[in-house]
Amino acid sequence: MIAASLCVTRHGETDWNKRGVLQGWMDVPLNALGRRQAADMAAAFQGEGFSAVWSSPLGRARETADIIAAALKLPPPSCHAGLKERHFGAIQGIPKSEIAERNPALMEQILRRNPAAHFVGGESMDEFADRTLGACTEIGARHHGERVLVITHGWVLDVLSRHANGLPRSTVLHVKPKNGESVWVEVAQGTLLVGGTRGVEQHHTGFHPSKPTK
């Protein structure tokens, strides 16, 4: 069976990104720069041959997806709740500077992007990973042999990067995905494959998507 190739991409910038506020499931719109970033992504993705666009239902991802789908003359994006950002529980919507004052140890884990960090009232590492990997597997199963653009969130890209490279879920990657950066993954026979991914180079003049390795 021919694999589906998913280009999983982080949404454009929001004011909360700029201010250092932990967003999680909070519904925050793109800012002006974020909308320009989405337009740049669309220009870079011309010619990639995407057949569909999927998105997290959160506004910052959905708006990014809407801009790109319209520019590429594709149908309106479909949403999958499994693509939402990690739920950070009680600290969602709180500036990181305030978290650092309240709980320096937790803030250190957030800055390290430690997937094993515990968030009171939020998702565990395994709950989050199972949800996001399951969502991508379901999307891939609907698009055999096609290329699909998936707009989601930074911690989701971390999960996919670990899985695609055969790393334990608890691995700290030390690199935060930038707005507009991507990870390519493949789904075949109902399985999200390990290996065969590359990122997207991001430059001040736009976004340059790499091709998935075979």
N, C-alpha and C. Protein backbone atom coordinates (compact mmCIF):
# COMPACT_ATOMS: atom_id res chain seq x y z
N MET A 1 0.84 -1.19 0.00
CA MET A 1 0.00 0.00 0.00
C MET A 1 0.88 1.25 0.00
N ILE A 2 0.54 2.23 -0.83
CA ILE A 2 1.32 3.45 -0.94
C ILE A 2 1.11 4.32 0.31
N ALA A 3 2.21 4.82 0.86
CA ALA A 3 2.14 5.61 2.08
C ALA A 3 1.57 6.99 1.81
N ALA A 4 0.94 7.55 2.83
CA ALA A 4 0.57 8.96 2.83
C ALA A 4 1.71 9.75 3.44
N SER A 5 2.04 10.90 2.85
CA SER A 5 3.08 11.78 3.39
C SER A 5 2.41 12.99 4.02
N LEU A 6 2.67 13.20 5.30
CA LEU A 6 2.10 14.33 6.02
C LEU A 6 3.19 15.35 6.32
N CYS A 7 2.96 16.59 5.93
CA CYS A 7 3.85 17.69 6.28
C CYS A 7 3.24 18.40 7.48
N VAL A 8 3.73 18.09 8.65
CA VAL A 8 3.14 18.60 9.90
C VAL A 8 3.88 19.88 10.29
N THR A 9 3.12 20.98 10.36
CA THR A 9 3.70 22.32 10.42
C THR A 9 3.14 23.12 11.59
N ARG A 10 4.01 23.87 12.24
CA ARG A 10 3.56 24.73 13.35
C ARG A 10 2.89 25.99 12.80
N HIS A 11 1.86 26.41 13.49
CA HIS A 11 1.08 27.60 13.12
C HIS A 11 1.91 28.88 13.14
N GLY A 12 1.34 29.97 12.62
CA GLY A 12 1.98 31.28 12.66
C GLY A 12 1.96 31.89 14.06
N GLU A 13 2.64 33.00 14.19
CA GLU A 13 2.83 33.65 15.51
C GLU A 13 1.54 34.26 16.05
N THR A 14 1.42 34.24 17.37
CA THR A 14 0.36 34.95 18.09
C THR A 14 0.99 35.97 19.03
N ASP A 15 0.17 36.87 19.54
CA ASP A 15 0.68 37.84 20.53
C ASP A 15 1.16 37.12 21.79
N TRP A 16 0.52 36.01 22.13
CA TRP A 16 0.95 35.27 23.32
C TRP A 16 2.30 34.60 23.09
N ASN A 17 2.57 34.14 21.86
CA ASN A 17 3.93 33.67 21.54
C ASN A 17 4.93 34.78 21.82
N LYS A 18 4.60 35.96 21.33
CA LYS A 18 5.51 37.10 21.43
C LYS A 18 5.74 37.50 22.88
N ARG A 19 4.68 37.41 23.70
CA ARG A 19 4.76 37.83 25.10
C ARG A 19 5.24 36.72 26.03
N GLY A 20 5.38 35.51 25.51
CA GLY A 20 5.83 34.41 26.35
C GLY A 20 4.77 33.88 27.29
N VAL A 21 3.53 33.76 26.78
CA VAL A 21 2.43 33.22 27.57
C VAL A 21 2.18 31.78 27.13
N LEU A 22 2.06 30.87 28.07
CA LEU A 22 1.83 29.46 27.75
C LEU A 22 0.39 29.29 27.26
N GLN A 23 0.23 28.86 26.01
CA GLN A 23 -1.10 28.86 25.40
C GLN A 23 -1.88 27.57 25.63
N GLY A 24 -1.26 26.42 25.37
CA GLY A 24 -1.99 25.17 25.54
C GLY A 24 -3.28 25.16 24.74
N TRP A 25 -4.40 24.88 25.42
CA TRP A 25 -5.70 24.82 24.76
C TRP A 25 -6.41 26.17 24.72
N MET A 26 -5.78 27.23 25.22
CA MET A 26 -6.38 28.56 25.14
C MET A 26 -6.46 28.98 23.68
N ASP A 27 -7.59 29.57 23.29
CA ASP A 27 -7.82 29.87 21.87
C ASP A 27 -7.37 31.29 21.57
N VAL A 28 -6.19 31.41 21.00
CA VAL A 28 -5.56 32.71 20.74
C VAL A 28 -5.40 32.89 19.24
N PRO A 29 -5.81 34.04 18.66
CA PRO A 29 -5.70 34.23 17.22
C PRO A 29 -4.27 34.58 16.79
N LEU A 30 -4.03 34.47 15.50
CA LEU A 30 -2.77 34.94 14.94
C LEU A 30 -2.67 36.45 15.08
N ASN A 31 -1.45 36.96 15.15
CA ASN A 31 -1.25 38.41 15.04
C ASN A 31 -0.89 38.73 13.58
N ALA A 32 -0.58 39.99 13.32
CA ALA A 32 -0.30 40.40 11.93
C ALA A 32 0.89 39.64 11.35
N LEU A 33 1.94 39.46 12.16
CA LEU A 33 3.10 38.71 11.69
C LEU A 33 2.72 37.27 11.40
N GLY A 34 1.90 36.68 12.26
CA GLY A 34 1.47 35.30 12.06
C GLY A 34 0.72 35.10 10.76
N ARG A 35 -0.11 36.09 10.40
CA ARG A 35 -0.83 35.98 9.13
C ARG A 35 0.13 36.12 7.94
N ARG A 36 1.14 36.99 8.08
CA ARG A 36 2.14 37.08 7.01
C ARG A 36 2.95 35.80 6.91
N GLN A 37 3.25 35.19 8.05
CA GLN A 37 3.97 33.92 8.04
C GLN A 37 3.15 32.84 7.32
N ALA A 38 1.85 32.83 7.56
CA ALA A 38 0.98 31.85 6.89
C ALA A 38 1.01 32.06 5.37
N ALA A 39 0.99 33.32 4.94
CA ALA A 39 1.07 33.61 3.51
C ALA A 39 2.42 33.17 2.94
N ASP A 40 3.51 33.35 3.70
CA ASP A 40 4.83 32.90 3.27
C ASP A 40 4.87 31.38 3.16
N MET A 41 4.26 30.70 4.12
CA MET A 41 4.20 29.24 4.05
C MET A 41 3.49 28.80 2.79
N ALA A 42 2.35 29.44 2.50
CA ALA A 42 1.58 29.08 1.31
C ALA A 42 2.42 29.24 0.05
N ALA A 43 3.19 30.32 -0.02
CA ALA A 43 4.04 30.54 -1.19
C ALA A 43 5.10 29.46 -1.30
N ALA A 44 5.67 29.07 -0.17
CA ALA A 44 6.71 28.04 -0.17
C ALA A 44 6.16 26.66 -0.53
N PHE A 45 4.89 26.43 -0.20
CA PHE A 45 4.28 25.12 -0.44
C PHE A 45 3.70 24.98 -1.85
N GLN A 46 3.74 26.05 -2.64
CA GLN A 46 3.27 25.94 -4.02
C GLN A 46 4.08 24.85 -4.73
N GLY A 47 3.40 23.98 -5.42
CA GLY A 47 4.09 22.94 -6.15
C GLY A 47 4.37 21.69 -5.34
N GLU A 48 4.05 21.69 -4.05
CA GLU A 48 4.27 20.49 -3.24
C GLU A 48 3.25 19.39 -3.51
N GLY A 49 2.15 19.75 -4.16
CA GLY A 49 1.17 18.74 -4.54
C GLY A 49 0.28 18.26 -3.41
N PHE A 50 0.02 19.11 -2.43
CA PHE A 50 -0.89 18.71 -1.35
C PHE A 50 -2.31 18.54 -1.89
N SER A 51 -2.97 17.49 -1.43
CA SER A 51 -4.35 17.24 -1.83
C SER A 51 -5.36 17.74 -0.81
N ALA A 52 -4.88 17.98 0.42
CA ALA A 52 -5.79 18.39 1.49
C ALA A 52 -5.00 19.08 2.59
N VAL A 53 -5.73 19.84 3.40
CA VAL A 53 -5.15 20.49 4.57
C VAL A 53 -5.97 20.08 5.79
N TRP A 54 -5.27 19.66 6.83
CA TRP A 54 -5.90 19.36 8.13
C TRP A 54 -5.34 20.33 9.17
N SER A 55 -6.10 20.50 10.25
CA SER A 55 -5.69 21.48 11.25
C SER A 55 -6.18 21.09 12.64
N SER A 56 -5.43 21.52 13.62
CA SER A 56 -5.95 21.59 14.99
C SER A 56 -7.14 22.54 14.98
N PRO A 57 -8.14 22.30 15.83
CA PRO A 57 -9.29 23.21 15.87
C PRO A 57 -9.02 24.53 16.59
N LEU A 58 -7.86 24.65 17.24
CA LEU A 58 -7.55 25.91 17.92
C LEU A 58 -7.33 27.02 16.90
N GLY A 59 -7.78 28.23 17.24
CA GLY A 59 -7.86 29.32 16.28
C GLY A 59 -6.56 29.66 15.58
N ARG A 60 -5.44 29.62 16.30
CA ARG A 60 -4.17 30.01 15.69
C ARG A 60 -3.75 29.02 14.61
N ALA A 61 -4.06 27.75 14.79
CA ALA A 61 -3.77 26.75 13.78
C ALA A 61 -4.78 26.81 12.65
N ARG A 62 -6.06 26.93 13.01
CA ARG A 62 -7.11 26.94 11.98
C ARG A 62 -6.96 28.15 11.06
N GLU A 63 -6.63 29.32 11.62
CA GLU A 63 -6.45 30.51 10.78
C GLU A 63 -5.26 30.33 9.83
N THR A 64 -4.17 29.76 10.34
CA THR A 64 -3.02 29.47 9.48
C THR A 64 -3.43 28.54 8.35
N ALA A 65 -4.15 27.49 8.69
CA ALA A 65 -4.59 26.52 7.69
C ALA A 65 -5.53 27.15 6.67
N ASP A 66 -6.44 28.00 7.12
CA ASP A 66 -7.39 28.66 6.21
C ASP A 66 -6.64 29.51 5.18
N ILE A 67 -5.65 30.26 5.64
CA ILE A 67 -4.89 31.13 4.74
C ILE A 67 -4.16 30.30 3.69
N ILE A 68 -3.53 29.22 4.14
CA ILE A 68 -2.76 28.39 3.21
C ILE A 68 -3.67 27.67 2.23
N ALA A 69 -4.77 27.08 2.73
CA ALA A 69 -5.67 26.34 1.85
C ALA A 69 -6.24 27.25 0.77
N ALA A 70 -6.63 28.47 1.14
CA ALA A 70 -7.17 29.41 0.16
C ALA A 70 -6.13 29.76 -0.89
N ALA A 71 -4.89 30.01 -0.46
CA ALA A 71 -3.83 30.38 -1.39
C ALA A 71 -3.49 29.24 -2.35
N LEU A 72 -3.58 27.99 -1.86
CA LEU A 72 -3.27 26.83 -2.69
C LEU A 72 -4.48 26.32 -3.46
N LYS A 73 -5.62 27.01 -3.29
CA LYS A 73 -6.86 26.64 -3.97
C LYS A 73 -7.28 25.20 -3.63
N LEU A 74 -7.14 24.88 -2.36
CA LEU A 74 -7.58 23.59 -1.83
C LEU A 74 -8.88 23.76 -1.05
N PRO A 75 -9.62 22.67 -0.82
CA PRO A 75 -10.85 22.78 -0.02
C PRO A 75 -10.55 23.31 1.38
N PRO A 76 -11.56 23.87 2.05
CA PRO A 76 -11.36 24.34 3.43
C PRO A 76 -10.77 23.23 4.30
N PRO A 77 -9.91 23.59 5.24
CA PRO A 77 -9.26 22.57 6.08
C PRO A 77 -10.26 21.76 6.89
N SER A 78 -9.92 20.50 7.11
CA SER A 78 -10.64 19.65 8.06
C SER A 78 -9.94 19.76 9.41
N CYS A 79 -10.69 19.62 10.48
CA CYS A 79 -10.11 19.72 11.82
C CYS A 79 -10.13 18.36 12.51
N HIS A 80 -9.11 18.13 13.32
CA HIS A 80 -9.02 16.92 14.13
C HIS A 80 -8.62 17.34 15.54
N ALA A 81 -9.45 17.03 16.51
CA ALA A 81 -9.18 17.45 17.89
C ALA A 81 -7.88 16.88 18.42
N GLY A 82 -7.44 15.75 17.86
CA GLY A 82 -6.20 15.14 18.32
C GLY A 82 -4.96 15.93 17.99
N LEU A 83 -5.10 16.97 17.14
CA LEU A 83 -3.96 17.81 16.77
C LEU A 83 -3.77 19.01 17.69
N LYS A 84 -4.61 19.16 18.71
CA LYS A 84 -4.47 20.29 19.62
C LYS A 84 -3.14 20.23 20.38
N GLU A 85 -2.72 21.40 20.83
CA GLU A 85 -1.51 21.49 21.65
C GLU A 85 -1.68 20.68 22.93
N ARG A 86 -0.58 20.40 23.59
CA ARG A 86 -0.67 19.73 24.89
C ARG A 86 -1.48 20.59 25.86
N HIS A 87 -2.28 19.93 26.68
CA HIS A 87 -3.03 20.65 27.71
C HIS A 87 -2.11 20.83 28.91
N PHE A 88 -1.82 22.11 29.22
CA PHE A 88 -0.88 22.41 30.29
C PHE A 88 -1.56 22.66 31.63
N GLY A 89 -2.84 22.35 31.72
CA GLY A 89 -3.54 22.41 32.99
C GLY A 89 -3.65 23.81 33.59
N ALA A 90 -3.36 23.92 34.89
CA ALA A 90 -3.62 25.14 35.65
C ALA A 90 -2.77 26.32 35.21
N ILE A 91 -1.67 26.08 34.50
CA ILE A 91 -0.79 27.20 34.14
C ILE A 91 -1.05 27.74 32.74
N GLN A 92 -2.05 27.23 32.04
CA GLN A 92 -2.39 27.78 30.73
C GLN A 92 -2.82 29.24 30.87
N GLY A 93 -2.35 30.07 29.97
CA GLY A 93 -2.72 31.48 30.00
C GLY A 93 -1.90 32.33 30.95
N ILE A 94 -0.89 31.73 31.58
CA ILE A 94 -0.05 32.47 32.53
C ILE A 94 1.29 32.78 31.87
N PRO A 95 1.76 34.03 31.97
CA PRO A 95 3.07 34.36 31.40
C PRO A 95 4.18 33.50 32.00
N LYS A 96 5.14 33.14 31.18
CA LYS A 96 6.24 32.31 31.67
C LYS A 96 7.05 33.01 32.75
N SER A 97 7.09 34.33 32.70
CA SER A 97 7.81 35.07 33.74
C SER A 97 7.14 34.86 35.10
N GLU A 98 5.81 34.78 35.10
CA GLU A 98 5.09 34.55 36.36
C GLU A 98 5.24 33.11 36.82
N ILE A 99 5.23 32.17 35.87
CA ILE A 99 5.46 30.77 36.23
C ILE A 99 6.84 30.61 36.86
N ALA A 100 7.83 31.32 36.32
CA ALA A 100 9.19 31.23 36.84
C ALA A 100 9.26 31.70 38.29
N GLU A 101 8.45 32.69 38.65
CA GLU A 101 8.43 33.17 40.03
C GLU A 101 7.71 32.19 40.94
N ARG A 102 6.61 31.63 40.46
CA ARG A 102 5.80 30.73 41.28
C ARG A 102 6.46 29.36 41.46
N ASN A 103 7.01 28.85 40.34
CA ASN A 103 7.53 27.49 40.35
C ASN A 103 8.75 27.39 39.43
N PRO A 104 9.91 27.82 39.93
CA PRO A 104 11.12 27.83 39.09
C PRO A 104 11.47 26.46 38.52
N ALA A 105 11.25 25.41 39.28
CA ALA A 105 11.59 24.06 38.81
C ALA A 105 10.73 23.67 37.61
N LEU A 106 9.43 23.99 37.68
CA LEU A 106 8.56 23.68 36.56
C LEU A 106 8.93 24.52 35.34
N MET A 107 9.26 25.79 35.57
CA MET A 107 9.64 26.65 34.45
C MET A 107 10.89 26.12 33.76
N GLU A 108 11.80 25.57 34.53
CA GLU A 108 13.01 24.99 33.93
C GLU A 108 12.64 23.82 33.02
N GLN A 109 11.66 23.00 33.46
CA GLN A 109 11.22 21.88 32.64
C GLN A 109 10.54 22.35 31.35
N ILE A 110 9.77 23.44 31.46
CA ILE A 110 9.10 23.99 30.27
C ILE A 110 10.13 24.52 29.28
N LEU A 111 11.12 25.24 29.76
CA LEU A 111 12.14 25.79 28.88
C LEU A 111 12.96 24.69 28.22
N ARG A 112 13.15 23.59 28.92
CA ARG A 112 13.85 22.43 28.34
C ARG A 112 12.94 21.65 27.41
N ARG A 113 11.63 21.95 27.46
CA ARG A 113 10.61 21.22 26.70
C ARG A 113 10.67 19.74 27.08
N ASN A 114 10.73 19.50 28.37
CA ASN A 114 10.81 18.14 28.89
C ASN A 114 9.43 17.48 28.78
N PRO A 115 9.27 16.46 27.94
CA PRO A 115 7.96 15.85 27.77
C PRO A 115 7.43 15.17 29.03
N ALA A 116 8.33 14.82 29.94
CA ALA A 116 7.92 14.15 31.17
C ALA A 116 7.49 15.13 32.26
N ALA A 117 7.52 16.43 31.98
CA ALA A 117 7.09 17.42 32.97
C ALA A 117 5.64 17.17 33.37
N HIS A 118 5.35 17.37 34.65
CA HIS A 118 3.99 17.15 35.16
C HIS A 118 3.26 18.48 35.25
N PHE A 119 2.07 18.54 34.63
CA PHE A 119 1.25 19.75 34.66
C PHE A 119 -0.05 19.43 35.40
N VAL A 120 -0.23 20.08 36.54
CA VAL A 120 -1.42 19.84 37.36
C VAL A 120 -2.67 20.16 36.55
N GLY A 121 -3.56 19.18 36.44
CA GLY A 121 -4.79 19.37 35.68
C GLY A 121 -4.61 19.24 34.18
N GLY A 122 -3.40 18.90 33.74
CA GLY A 122 -3.12 18.79 32.31
C GLY A 122 -2.91 17.36 31.87
N GLU A 123 -2.41 17.21 30.64
CA GLU A 123 -2.18 15.88 30.07
C GLU A 123 -0.82 15.35 30.49
N SER A 124 -0.77 14.05 30.67
CA SER A 124 0.52 13.39 30.90
C SER A 124 1.25 13.23 29.58
N MET A 125 2.52 12.86 29.68
CA MET A 125 3.33 12.63 28.49
C MET A 125 2.68 11.59 27.58
N ASP A 126 2.24 10.47 28.13
CA ASP A 126 1.69 9.40 27.32
C ASP A 126 0.31 9.74 26.77
N GLU A 127 -0.51 10.40 27.55
CA GLU A 127 -1.83 10.81 27.06
C GLU A 127 -1.68 11.71 25.83
N PHE A 128 -0.78 12.66 25.93
CA PHE A 128 -0.56 13.61 24.85
C PHE A 128 0.02 12.92 23.62
N ALA A 129 1.03 12.09 23.81
CA ALA A 129 1.66 11.41 22.68
C ALA A 129 0.69 10.46 22.00
N ASP A 130 -0.08 9.71 22.78
CA ASP A 130 -1.04 8.78 22.18
C ASP A 130 -2.06 9.54 21.34
N ARG A 131 -2.51 10.66 21.85
CA ARG A 131 -3.52 11.47 21.13
C ARG A 131 -2.99 11.99 19.81
N THR A 132 -1.80 12.59 19.84
CA THR A 132 -1.28 13.23 18.63
C THR A 132 -0.83 12.21 17.59
N LEU A 133 -0.19 11.14 18.02
CA LEU A 133 0.23 10.10 17.08
C LEU A 133 -1.00 9.41 16.47
N GLY A 134 -2.02 9.21 17.29
CA GLY A 134 -3.25 8.62 16.79
C GLY A 134 -3.93 9.49 15.75
N ALA A 135 -3.92 10.81 15.98
CA ALA A 135 -4.54 11.74 15.02
C ALA A 135 -3.84 11.67 13.67
N CYS A 136 -2.52 11.69 13.68
CA CYS A 136 -1.77 11.66 12.42
C CYS A 136 -1.97 10.32 11.71
N THR A 137 -2.04 9.24 12.47
CA THR A 137 -2.28 7.94 11.86
C THR A 137 -3.65 7.90 11.19
N GLU A 138 -4.67 8.45 11.87
CA GLU A 138 -6.02 8.48 11.29
C GLU A 138 -6.07 9.33 10.02
N ILE A 139 -5.40 10.48 10.04
CA ILE A 139 -5.39 11.34 8.86
C ILE A 139 -4.69 10.65 7.70
N GLY A 140 -3.55 10.03 7.98
CA GLY A 140 -2.83 9.31 6.93
C GLY A 140 -3.65 8.19 6.33
N ALA A 141 -4.43 7.50 7.17
CA ALA A 141 -5.24 6.38 6.69
C ALA A 141 -6.32 6.84 5.72
N ARG A 142 -6.69 8.10 5.79
CA ARG A 142 -7.72 8.64 4.88
C ARG A 142 -7.14 9.14 3.56
N HIS A 143 -5.82 9.18 3.47
CA HIS A 143 -5.19 9.80 2.30
C HIS A 143 -4.06 8.93 1.73
N HIS A 144 -4.37 7.67 1.45
CA HIS A 144 -3.35 6.76 0.92
C HIS A 144 -2.72 7.34 -0.35
N GLY A 145 -1.40 7.36 -0.38
CA GLY A 145 -0.69 7.80 -1.56
C GLY A 145 -0.72 9.29 -1.83
N GLU A 146 -1.25 10.08 -0.90
CA GLU A 146 -1.36 11.52 -1.09
C GLU A 146 -0.40 12.27 -0.18
N ARG A 147 -0.21 13.53 -0.51
CA ARG A 147 0.52 14.46 0.35
C ARG A 147 -0.48 15.37 1.03
N VAL A 148 -0.36 15.50 2.33
CA VAL A 148 -1.32 16.26 3.12
C VAL A 148 -0.58 17.23 4.02
N LEU A 149 -1.06 18.46 4.08
CA LEU A 149 -0.51 19.47 4.99
C LEU A 149 -1.31 19.45 6.29
N VAL A 150 -0.60 19.39 7.42
CA VAL A 150 -1.23 19.33 8.74
C VAL A 150 -0.71 20.50 9.57
N ILE A 151 -1.60 21.39 9.99
CA ILE A 151 -1.20 22.55 10.79
C ILE A 151 -1.52 22.29 12.26
N THR A 152 -0.50 22.40 13.09
CA THR A 152 -0.67 22.06 14.49
C THR A 152 0.24 22.94 15.36
N HIS A 153 0.84 22.37 16.41
CA HIS A 153 1.50 23.15 17.45
C HIS A 153 2.89 22.61 17.78
N GLY A 154 3.66 23.42 18.50
CA GLY A 154 5.06 23.11 18.74
C GLY A 154 5.32 21.82 19.49
N TRP A 155 4.59 21.57 20.57
CA TRP A 155 4.84 20.36 21.35
C TRP A 155 4.38 19.12 20.57
N VAL A 156 3.42 19.30 19.66
CA VAL A 156 3.01 18.19 18.80
C VAL A 156 4.17 17.81 17.87
N LEU A 157 4.84 18.82 17.29
CA LEU A 157 5.99 18.53 16.44
C LEU A 157 7.08 17.80 17.21
N ASP A 158 7.26 18.13 18.48
CA ASP A 158 8.23 17.42 19.30
C ASP A 158 7.89 15.93 19.36
N VAL A 159 6.62 15.61 19.61
CA VAL A 159 6.19 14.21 19.70
C VAL A 159 6.51 13.48 18.40
N LEU A 160 6.16 14.10 17.27
CA LEU A 160 6.37 13.46 15.98
C LEU A 160 7.86 13.31 15.66
N SER A 161 8.66 14.29 16.03
CA SER A 161 10.11 14.20 15.79
C SER A 161 10.70 13.03 16.55
N ARG A 162 10.30 12.84 17.80
CA ARG A 162 10.81 11.72 18.58
C ARG A 162 10.39 10.39 17.94
N HIS A 163 9.12 10.29 17.62
CA HIS A 163 8.61 9.03 17.07
C HIS A 163 9.30 8.71 15.75
N ALA A 164 9.38 9.69 14.86
CA ALA A 164 9.93 9.45 13.53
C ALA A 164 11.40 9.06 13.58
N ASN A 165 12.10 9.52 14.59
CA ASN A 165 13.53 9.21 14.72
C ASN A 165 13.80 8.05 15.67
N GLY A 166 12.73 7.37 16.10
CA GLY A 166 12.90 6.20 16.93
C GLY A 166 13.40 6.50 18.33
N LEU A 167 13.10 7.70 18.84
CA LEU A 167 13.57 8.11 20.16
C LEU A 167 12.50 7.84 21.22
N PRO A 168 12.90 7.58 22.46
CA PRO A 168 11.91 7.41 23.53
C PRO A 168 11.06 8.67 23.70
N ARG A 169 9.85 8.47 24.15
CA ARG A 169 8.95 9.61 24.36
C ARG A 169 9.49 10.62 25.35
N SER A 170 10.33 10.18 26.24
CA SER A 170 10.86 11.06 27.29
C SER A 170 12.08 11.85 26.85
N THR A 171 12.53 11.68 25.61
CA THR A 171 13.74 12.37 25.14
C THR A 171 13.53 13.88 25.08
N VAL A 172 14.47 14.63 25.64
CA VAL A 172 14.45 16.09 25.56
C VAL A 172 15.19 16.49 24.29
N LEU A 173 14.53 17.24 23.41
CA LEU A 173 15.12 17.56 22.11
C LEU A 173 15.97 18.84 22.12
N HIS A 174 15.74 19.72 23.09
CA HIS A 174 16.54 20.93 23.27
C HIS A 174 16.31 22.00 22.20
N VAL A 175 15.48 21.73 21.20
CA VAL A 175 15.23 22.70 20.14
C VAL A 175 13.73 22.95 20.04
N LYS A 176 13.33 24.19 20.10
CA LYS A 176 11.91 24.55 19.99
C LYS A 176 11.56 24.80 18.53
N PRO A 177 10.55 24.12 17.99
CA PRO A 177 10.14 24.39 16.61
C PRO A 177 9.67 25.84 16.45
N LYS A 178 10.15 26.51 15.44
CA LYS A 178 9.74 27.88 15.17
C LYS A 178 8.39 27.90 14.47
N ASN A 179 7.72 29.04 14.52
CA ASN A 179 6.47 29.19 13.77
C ASN A 179 6.75 28.93 12.29
N GLY A 180 5.99 28.02 11.69
CA GLY A 180 6.17 27.71 10.29
C GLY A 180 7.09 26.55 10.00
N GLU A 181 7.77 26.01 10.98
CA GLU A 181 8.64 24.86 10.74
C GLU A 181 7.82 23.57 10.68
N SER A 182 8.38 22.58 9.99
CA SER A 182 7.63 21.36 9.70
C SER A 182 8.43 20.10 9.98
N VAL A 183 7.70 19.01 10.12
CA VAL A 183 8.26 17.66 10.16
C VAL A 183 7.43 16.82 9.19
N TRP A 184 8.11 16.10 8.30
CA TRP A 184 7.43 15.18 7.39
C TRP A 184 7.36 13.80 8.04
N VAL A 185 6.18 13.18 8.00
CA VAL A 185 6.02 11.80 8.47
C VAL A 185 5.22 11.02 7.44
N GLU A 186 5.35 9.72 7.48
CA GLU A 186 4.62 8.87 6.54
C GLU A 186 3.77 7.86 7.30
N VAL A 187 2.60 7.58 6.71
CA VAL A 187 1.67 6.60 7.28
C VAL A 187 1.38 5.55 6.22
N ALA A 188 1.59 4.29 6.56
CA ALA A 188 1.32 3.20 5.64
C ALA A 188 0.69 2.04 6.39
N GLN A 189 -0.35 1.47 5.81
CA GLN A 189 -1.06 0.33 6.39
C GLN A 189 -1.44 0.59 7.84
N GLY A 190 -1.93 1.79 8.10
CA GLY A 190 -2.41 2.14 9.42
C GLY A 190 -1.34 2.34 10.46
N THR A 191 -0.09 2.52 10.01
CA THR A 191 1.01 2.68 10.95
C THR A 191 1.79 3.96 10.64
N LEU A 192 2.08 4.73 11.68
CA LEU A 192 2.94 5.91 11.53
C LEU A 192 4.38 5.42 11.56
N LEU A 193 5.07 5.58 10.43
CA LEU A 193 6.38 4.96 10.27
C LEU A 193 7.46 5.65 11.08
N VAL A 194 8.45 4.89 11.47
CA VAL A 194 9.65 5.41 12.12
C VAL A 194 10.70 5.64 11.04
N GLY A 195 11.32 6.81 11.06
CA GLY A 195 12.33 7.15 10.07
C GLY A 195 11.73 7.86 8.87
N GLY A 196 12.62 8.48 8.06
CA GLY A 196 12.17 9.10 6.82
C GLY A 196 11.55 10.46 6.98
N THR A 197 12.03 11.28 7.91
CA THR A 197 11.51 12.63 8.06
C THR A 197 12.64 13.64 7.93
N ARG A 198 12.26 14.83 7.49
CA ARG A 198 13.18 15.96 7.48
C ARG A 198 12.41 17.19 7.88
N GLY A 199 13.12 18.18 8.39
CA GLY A 199 12.47 19.41 8.80
C GLY A 199 12.31 20.38 7.65
N VAL A 200 11.87 21.57 7.98
CA VAL A 200 11.72 22.64 7.01
C VAL A 200 12.65 23.76 7.42
N GLU A 201 13.49 24.23 6.51
CA GLU A 201 14.34 25.36 6.80
C GLU A 201 13.51 26.63 6.80
N GLN A 202 13.75 27.47 7.78
CA GLN A 202 13.02 28.73 7.87
C GLN A 202 13.99 29.88 7.75
N HIS A 203 13.70 30.81 6.84
CA HIS A 203 14.55 31.97 6.63
C HIS A 203 13.71 33.23 6.73
N HIS A 204 14.35 34.36 6.89
CA HIS A 204 13.61 35.61 7.02
C HIS A 204 12.86 35.96 5.75
N THR A 205 13.24 35.36 4.62
CA THR A 205 12.55 35.65 3.36
C THR A 205 11.41 34.68 3.09
N GLY A 206 11.24 33.68 3.93
CA GLY A 206 10.14 32.75 3.71
C GLY A 206 10.49 31.36 4.19
N PHE A 207 9.71 30.38 3.74
CA PHE A 207 9.81 29.02 4.21
C PHE A 207 10.15 28.12 3.04
N HIS A 208 11.07 27.17 3.25
CA HIS A 208 11.55 26.34 2.16
C HIS A 208 11.35 24.88 2.53
N PRO A 209 10.22 24.28 2.15
CA PRO A 209 9.93 22.91 2.57
C PRO A 209 10.83 21.91 1.90
N SER A 210 11.40 21.02 2.68
CA SER A 210 12.21 19.95 2.13
C SER A 210 11.31 18.81 1.69
N LYS A 211 11.85 17.91 0.91
CA LYS A 211 11.10 16.76 0.45
C LYS A 211 11.26 15.62 1.46
N PRO A 212 10.18 14.83 1.69
CA PRO A 212 10.32 13.68 2.58
C PRO A 212 11.26 12.66 1.97
N THR A 213 12.10 12.06 2.79
CA THR A 213 12.96 11.00 2.29
C THR A 213 12.17 9.72 2.18
N LYS A 214 12.61 8.85 1.32
CA LYS A 214 11.87 7.61 1.09
C LYS A 214 12.55 6.45 1.80
